[in-house]
Amino acid sequence: MKNLKKQTVFIVSGNTAWTKVAVACLATSFECYSFKIETSVEKLWGLPQETIVVFDKSSLGNPSSLCISPAERGGKWLIVNGDSIDEQSVAGTIALGFSGLIVSPFTLEMLPRALRTIASDQLWFSREAMSQTLKHLVSSAGSTHHSVNILGAKYTLSCREQQVFLHLLHGKSNKDIAALLHLSPSTVKCHVSSILLKTGKRSRSQINMLLLDAENHSQIRVS
């Protein structure tokens, strides 16, 4: 009888204890899967399309900030142990090429189902996150919105911060943004301060450079 090729799954985490628990939980249910452990993504290049990479965000950091591109490295990438705010930037996460996201503390509970889903070429995100993403995509279109989605994922901007960010790019004042989003000027000011803090920028004028970098990155990937 011909041997079937095992499905390869990389568990990438800087937390050795968590990795052992994850592999132990999965090994009994996935006998046809080959689990490989890595502590970084340095060796993960040129992966076959069917390979799955489980990326532990809690120990390795934000993959978007680390400039990790699944499209360039190959394979199907699943972010685990994420934060609740990550679900507010799923549009950007998908745009960057990731196949799924599991928020802590549900990783071990949902990981088996997520692996099966991603192995069958489907995405794994919560219903709430996908619903929010679809609404966002329907209400906005164009390369600028696409780039804002990517920046939202990279800097973990909330949905409201992404909305404020987009209006900042259009040169709107705090007063204008407050009127457009039905917020108080003080609330908009807080969102702007948060955006500057998360992106490491000192002024509004520097924000446009972020958009330019994101659009250049997107064009490079397409070409």
Protein backbone atom coordinates (compact mmCIF):
# COMPACT_ATOMS: atom_id res chain seq x y z
CA MET A 1 0.00 0.00 0.00
CA LYS A 2 1.33 3.41 -0.98
CA ASN A 3 2.34 5.62 1.93
CA LEU A 4 0.54 8.95 2.10
CA LYS A 5 2.66 12.05 2.48
CA LYS A 6 2.24 13.59 5.91
CA GLN A 7 0.95 17.14 6.32
CA THR A 8 3.80 19.28 7.70
CA VAL A 9 2.99 21.76 10.46
CA PHE A 10 5.59 24.11 11.96
CA ILE A 11 4.91 25.24 15.52
CA VAL A 12 6.90 28.48 15.88
CA SER A 13 7.13 29.86 19.42
CA GLY A 14 9.62 31.26 21.87
CA ASN A 15 7.70 29.63 24.71
CA THR A 16 9.02 26.07 25.04
CA ALA A 17 6.44 25.04 27.65
CA TRP A 18 3.52 26.18 25.49
CA THR A 19 4.98 24.45 22.42
CA LYS A 20 5.19 21.11 24.26
CA VAL A 21 1.58 21.38 25.42
CA ALA A 22 0.38 22.35 21.93
CA VAL A 23 2.18 19.49 20.20
CA ALA A 24 1.01 17.00 22.84
CA CYS A 25 -2.61 18.11 22.35
CA LEU A 26 -2.39 17.86 18.57
CA ALA A 27 -0.30 14.72 18.10
CA THR A 28 -3.00 12.31 19.31
CA SER A 29 -5.65 13.73 16.95
CA PHE A 30 -3.45 14.28 13.90
CA GLU A 31 -1.57 11.05 13.26
CA CYS A 32 -1.06 11.95 9.59
CA TYR A 33 0.54 15.28 10.49
CA SER A 34 4.24 15.86 11.03
CA PHE A 35 4.85 18.52 13.68
CA LYS A 36 8.13 20.42 13.60
CA ILE A 37 9.24 22.89 16.28
CA GLU A 38 11.01 26.18 15.58
CA THR A 39 11.84 29.08 17.90
CA SER A 40 12.02 31.64 15.07
CA VAL A 41 11.00 32.05 11.44
CA GLU A 42 14.55 32.46 10.12
CA LYS A 43 14.55 29.08 8.33
CA LEU A 44 10.99 29.27 7.05
CA TRP A 45 11.44 30.25 3.42
CA GLY A 46 10.35 28.54 0.22
CA LEU A 47 7.70 26.49 1.97
CA PRO A 48 5.37 24.23 -0.06
CA GLN A 49 1.89 25.69 -0.34
CA GLU A 50 0.33 22.88 1.72
CA THR A 51 2.67 23.47 4.69
CA ILE A 52 1.05 25.13 7.71
CA VAL A 53 2.90 27.50 10.04
CA VAL A 54 1.47 28.15 13.52
CA PHE A 55 2.95 31.48 14.68
CA ASP A 56 2.81 32.26 18.41
CA LYS A 57 2.28 36.03 18.58
CA SER A 58 2.48 36.16 22.39
CA SER A 59 6.13 35.06 22.44
CA LEU A 60 7.40 36.27 19.06
CA GLY A 61 5.59 39.58 18.61
CA ASN A 62 3.41 41.02 15.85
CA PRO A 63 4.28 39.20 12.58
CA SER A 64 3.27 42.26 10.55
CA SER A 65 5.70 44.46 12.47
CA LEU A 66 8.39 41.83 11.85
CA CYS A 67 7.71 42.17 8.10
CA ILE A 68 6.68 38.52 7.79
CA SER A 69 4.96 37.93 4.46
CA PRO A 70 3.37 34.49 3.94
CA ALA A 71 3.15 35.25 0.22
CA GLU A 72 6.95 35.56 0.07
CA ARG A 73 7.77 32.66 2.42
CA GLY A 74 5.16 30.17 1.20
CA GLY A 75 2.79 27.99 3.19
CA LYS A 76 -0.35 28.82 5.11
CA TRP A 77 0.22 30.89 8.23
CA LEU A 78 -1.98 30.84 11.33
CA ILE A 79 -1.45 33.45 14.06
CA VAL A 80 -2.20 32.10 17.54
CA ASN A 81 -2.30 33.62 21.04
CA GLY A 82 -3.31 36.94 19.55
CA ASP A 83 -4.90 39.89 21.34
CA SER A 84 -8.55 40.90 21.07
CA ILE A 85 -7.57 44.09 19.24
CA ASP A 86 -6.04 41.93 16.46
CA GLU A 87 -9.57 40.99 15.42
CA GLN A 88 -10.23 44.63 14.57
CA SER A 89 -7.56 44.59 11.84
CA VAL A 90 -8.38 41.26 10.17
CA ALA A 91 -8.75 42.94 6.77
CA GLY A 92 -5.09 43.93 6.92
CA THR A 93 -4.08 40.50 8.25
CA ILE A 94 -5.76 38.81 5.28
CA ALA A 95 -4.27 41.37 2.86
CA LEU A 96 -0.82 40.44 4.15
CA GLY A 97 -1.47 36.78 3.31
CA PHE A 98 -2.28 35.18 6.67
CA SER A 99 -4.83 32.36 6.71
CA GLY A 100 -6.14 32.63 10.25
CA LEU A 101 -6.09 34.11 13.73
CA ILE A 102 -6.87 32.64 17.14
CA VAL A 103 -7.11 34.99 20.09
CA SER A 104 -5.87 34.03 23.55
CA PRO A 105 -7.03 32.19 25.68
CA PHE A 106 -8.83 30.04 23.07
CA THR A 107 -5.79 28.83 21.13
CA LEU A 108 -5.51 25.26 22.39
CA GLU A 109 -9.28 24.78 22.24
CA MET A 110 -9.65 26.00 18.66
CA LEU A 111 -6.29 24.95 17.19
CA PRO A 112 -7.38 21.46 15.98
CA ARG A 113 -10.39 22.81 14.07
CA ALA A 114 -8.35 25.72 12.73
CA LEU A 115 -5.66 23.37 11.36
CA ARG A 116 -8.24 21.21 9.58
CA THR A 117 -9.95 24.27 8.13
CA ILE A 118 -6.74 25.86 6.87
CA ALA A 119 -5.49 22.52 5.50
CA SER A 120 -8.64 22.46 3.34
CA ASP A 121 -7.71 25.87 1.86
CA GLN A 122 -10.17 27.90 3.94
CA LEU A 123 -9.60 30.86 6.24
CA TRP A 124 -9.97 30.69 10.02
CA PHE A 125 -11.18 33.88 11.68
CA SER A 126 -14.00 34.44 14.16
CA ARG A 127 -17.47 35.21 12.78
CA GLU A 128 -17.42 38.60 14.45
CA ALA A 129 -14.06 39.51 12.92
CA MET A 130 -15.11 38.40 9.42
CA SER A 131 -18.44 40.21 9.68
CA GLN A 132 -16.70 43.38 10.76
CA THR A 133 -14.15 42.98 7.96
CA LEU A 134 -16.80 42.49 5.27
CA LYS A 135 -18.70 45.56 6.45
CA HIS A 136 -15.47 47.56 6.38
CA LEU A 137 -14.61 46.37 2.86
CA VAL A 138 -18.10 47.08 1.54
CA SER A 139 -18.08 50.63 2.94
CA SER A 140 -14.59 51.39 1.63
CA ALA A 141 -12.73 50.68 -1.58
CA GLY A 142 -9.52 51.66 -3.31
CA SER A 143 -5.78 51.29 -2.75
CA THR A 144 -5.72 53.81 0.09
CA HIS A 145 -8.18 51.78 2.14
CA HIS A 146 -6.23 48.61 1.32
CA SER A 147 -3.05 50.24 2.63
CA VAL A 148 -4.79 51.47 5.77
CA ASN A 149 -5.95 47.88 6.40
CA ILE A 150 -2.33 46.72 6.19
CA LEU A 151 -1.15 49.50 8.50
CA GLY A 152 -3.98 48.68 10.91
CA ALA A 153 -2.70 45.11 11.19
CA LYS A 154 0.93 46.17 11.47
CA TYR A 155 0.37 48.69 14.26
CA THR A 156 -2.67 46.99 15.88
CA LEU A 157 -4.95 49.97 15.30
CA SER A 158 -8.54 49.58 16.45
CA CYS A 159 -11.39 49.99 13.93
CA ARG A 160 -12.06 53.51 15.17
CA GLU A 161 -8.37 54.40 14.98
CA GLN A 162 -8.28 53.15 11.39
CA GLN A 163 -11.25 55.38 10.55
CA VAL A 164 -9.56 58.39 12.14
CA PHE A 165 -6.31 57.46 10.40
CA LEU A 166 -8.01 57.45 6.99
CA HIS A 167 -9.45 60.94 7.56
CA LEU A 168 -6.05 62.18 8.72
CA LEU A 169 -4.61 61.01 5.42
CA HIS A 170 -7.25 63.10 3.67
CA GLY A 171 -6.08 66.16 5.58
CA LYS A 172 -9.11 66.49 7.84
CA SER A 173 -8.83 68.46 11.09
CA ASN A 174 -9.84 67.02 14.45
CA LYS A 175 -13.03 69.08 14.29
CA ASP A 176 -13.87 67.75 10.81
CA ILE A 177 -13.19 64.16 11.86
CA ALA A 178 -15.33 64.58 14.96
CA ALA A 179 -18.26 65.74 12.83
CA LEU A 180 -17.82 62.96 10.25
CA LEU A 181 -17.57 60.17 12.84
CA HIS A 182 -20.05 61.71 15.32
CA LEU A 183 -17.43 61.93 18.06
CA SER A 184 -16.32 64.72 20.38
CA PRO A 185 -13.13 66.61 19.38
CA SER A 186 -11.48 65.45 22.61
CA THR A 187 -12.16 61.80 21.69
CA VAL A 188 -10.67 62.33 18.24
CA LYS A 189 -7.64 63.97 19.85
CA CYS A 190 -7.15 60.86 22.01
CA HIS A 191 -7.38 58.61 18.94
CA VAL A 192 -4.84 60.75 17.08
CA SER A 193 -2.45 60.61 20.04
CA SER A 194 -2.85 56.83 20.18
CA ILE A 195 -2.15 56.52 16.44
CA LEU A 196 1.01 58.62 16.72
CA LEU A 197 2.17 56.58 19.72
CA LYS A 198 1.56 53.21 18.05
CA THR A 199 3.19 54.21 14.76
CA GLY A 200 6.12 55.97 16.40
CA LYS A 201 5.43 59.23 14.58
CA ARG A 202 5.61 62.69 16.10
CA SER A 203 3.24 64.63 13.88
CA ARG A 204 0.42 64.31 11.36
CA SER A 205 2.77 65.22 8.51
CA GLN A 206 4.78 62.04 9.12
CA ILE A 207 1.70 59.83 8.83
CA ASN A 208 1.52 60.23 5.05
CA MET A 209 4.94 58.59 4.81
CA LEU A 210 3.45 55.47 6.43
CA LEU A 211 0.84 55.26 3.68
CA LEU A 212 3.48 55.71 0.98
CA ASP A 213 5.58 52.90 2.46
CA ALA A 214 2.55 50.60 2.71
CA GLU A 215 1.50 51.24 -0.91
CA ASN A 216 5.06 50.71 -2.16
CA HIS A 217 5.19 47.41 -0.22
CA SER A 218 1.88 46.35 -1.75
CA GLN A 219 3.08 47.19 -5.27
CA ILE A 220 6.31 45.24 -4.74
CA ARG A 221 4.32 42.16 -3.69
CA VAL A 222 2.04 42.39 -6.73
CA SER A 223 4.93 42.77 -9.15
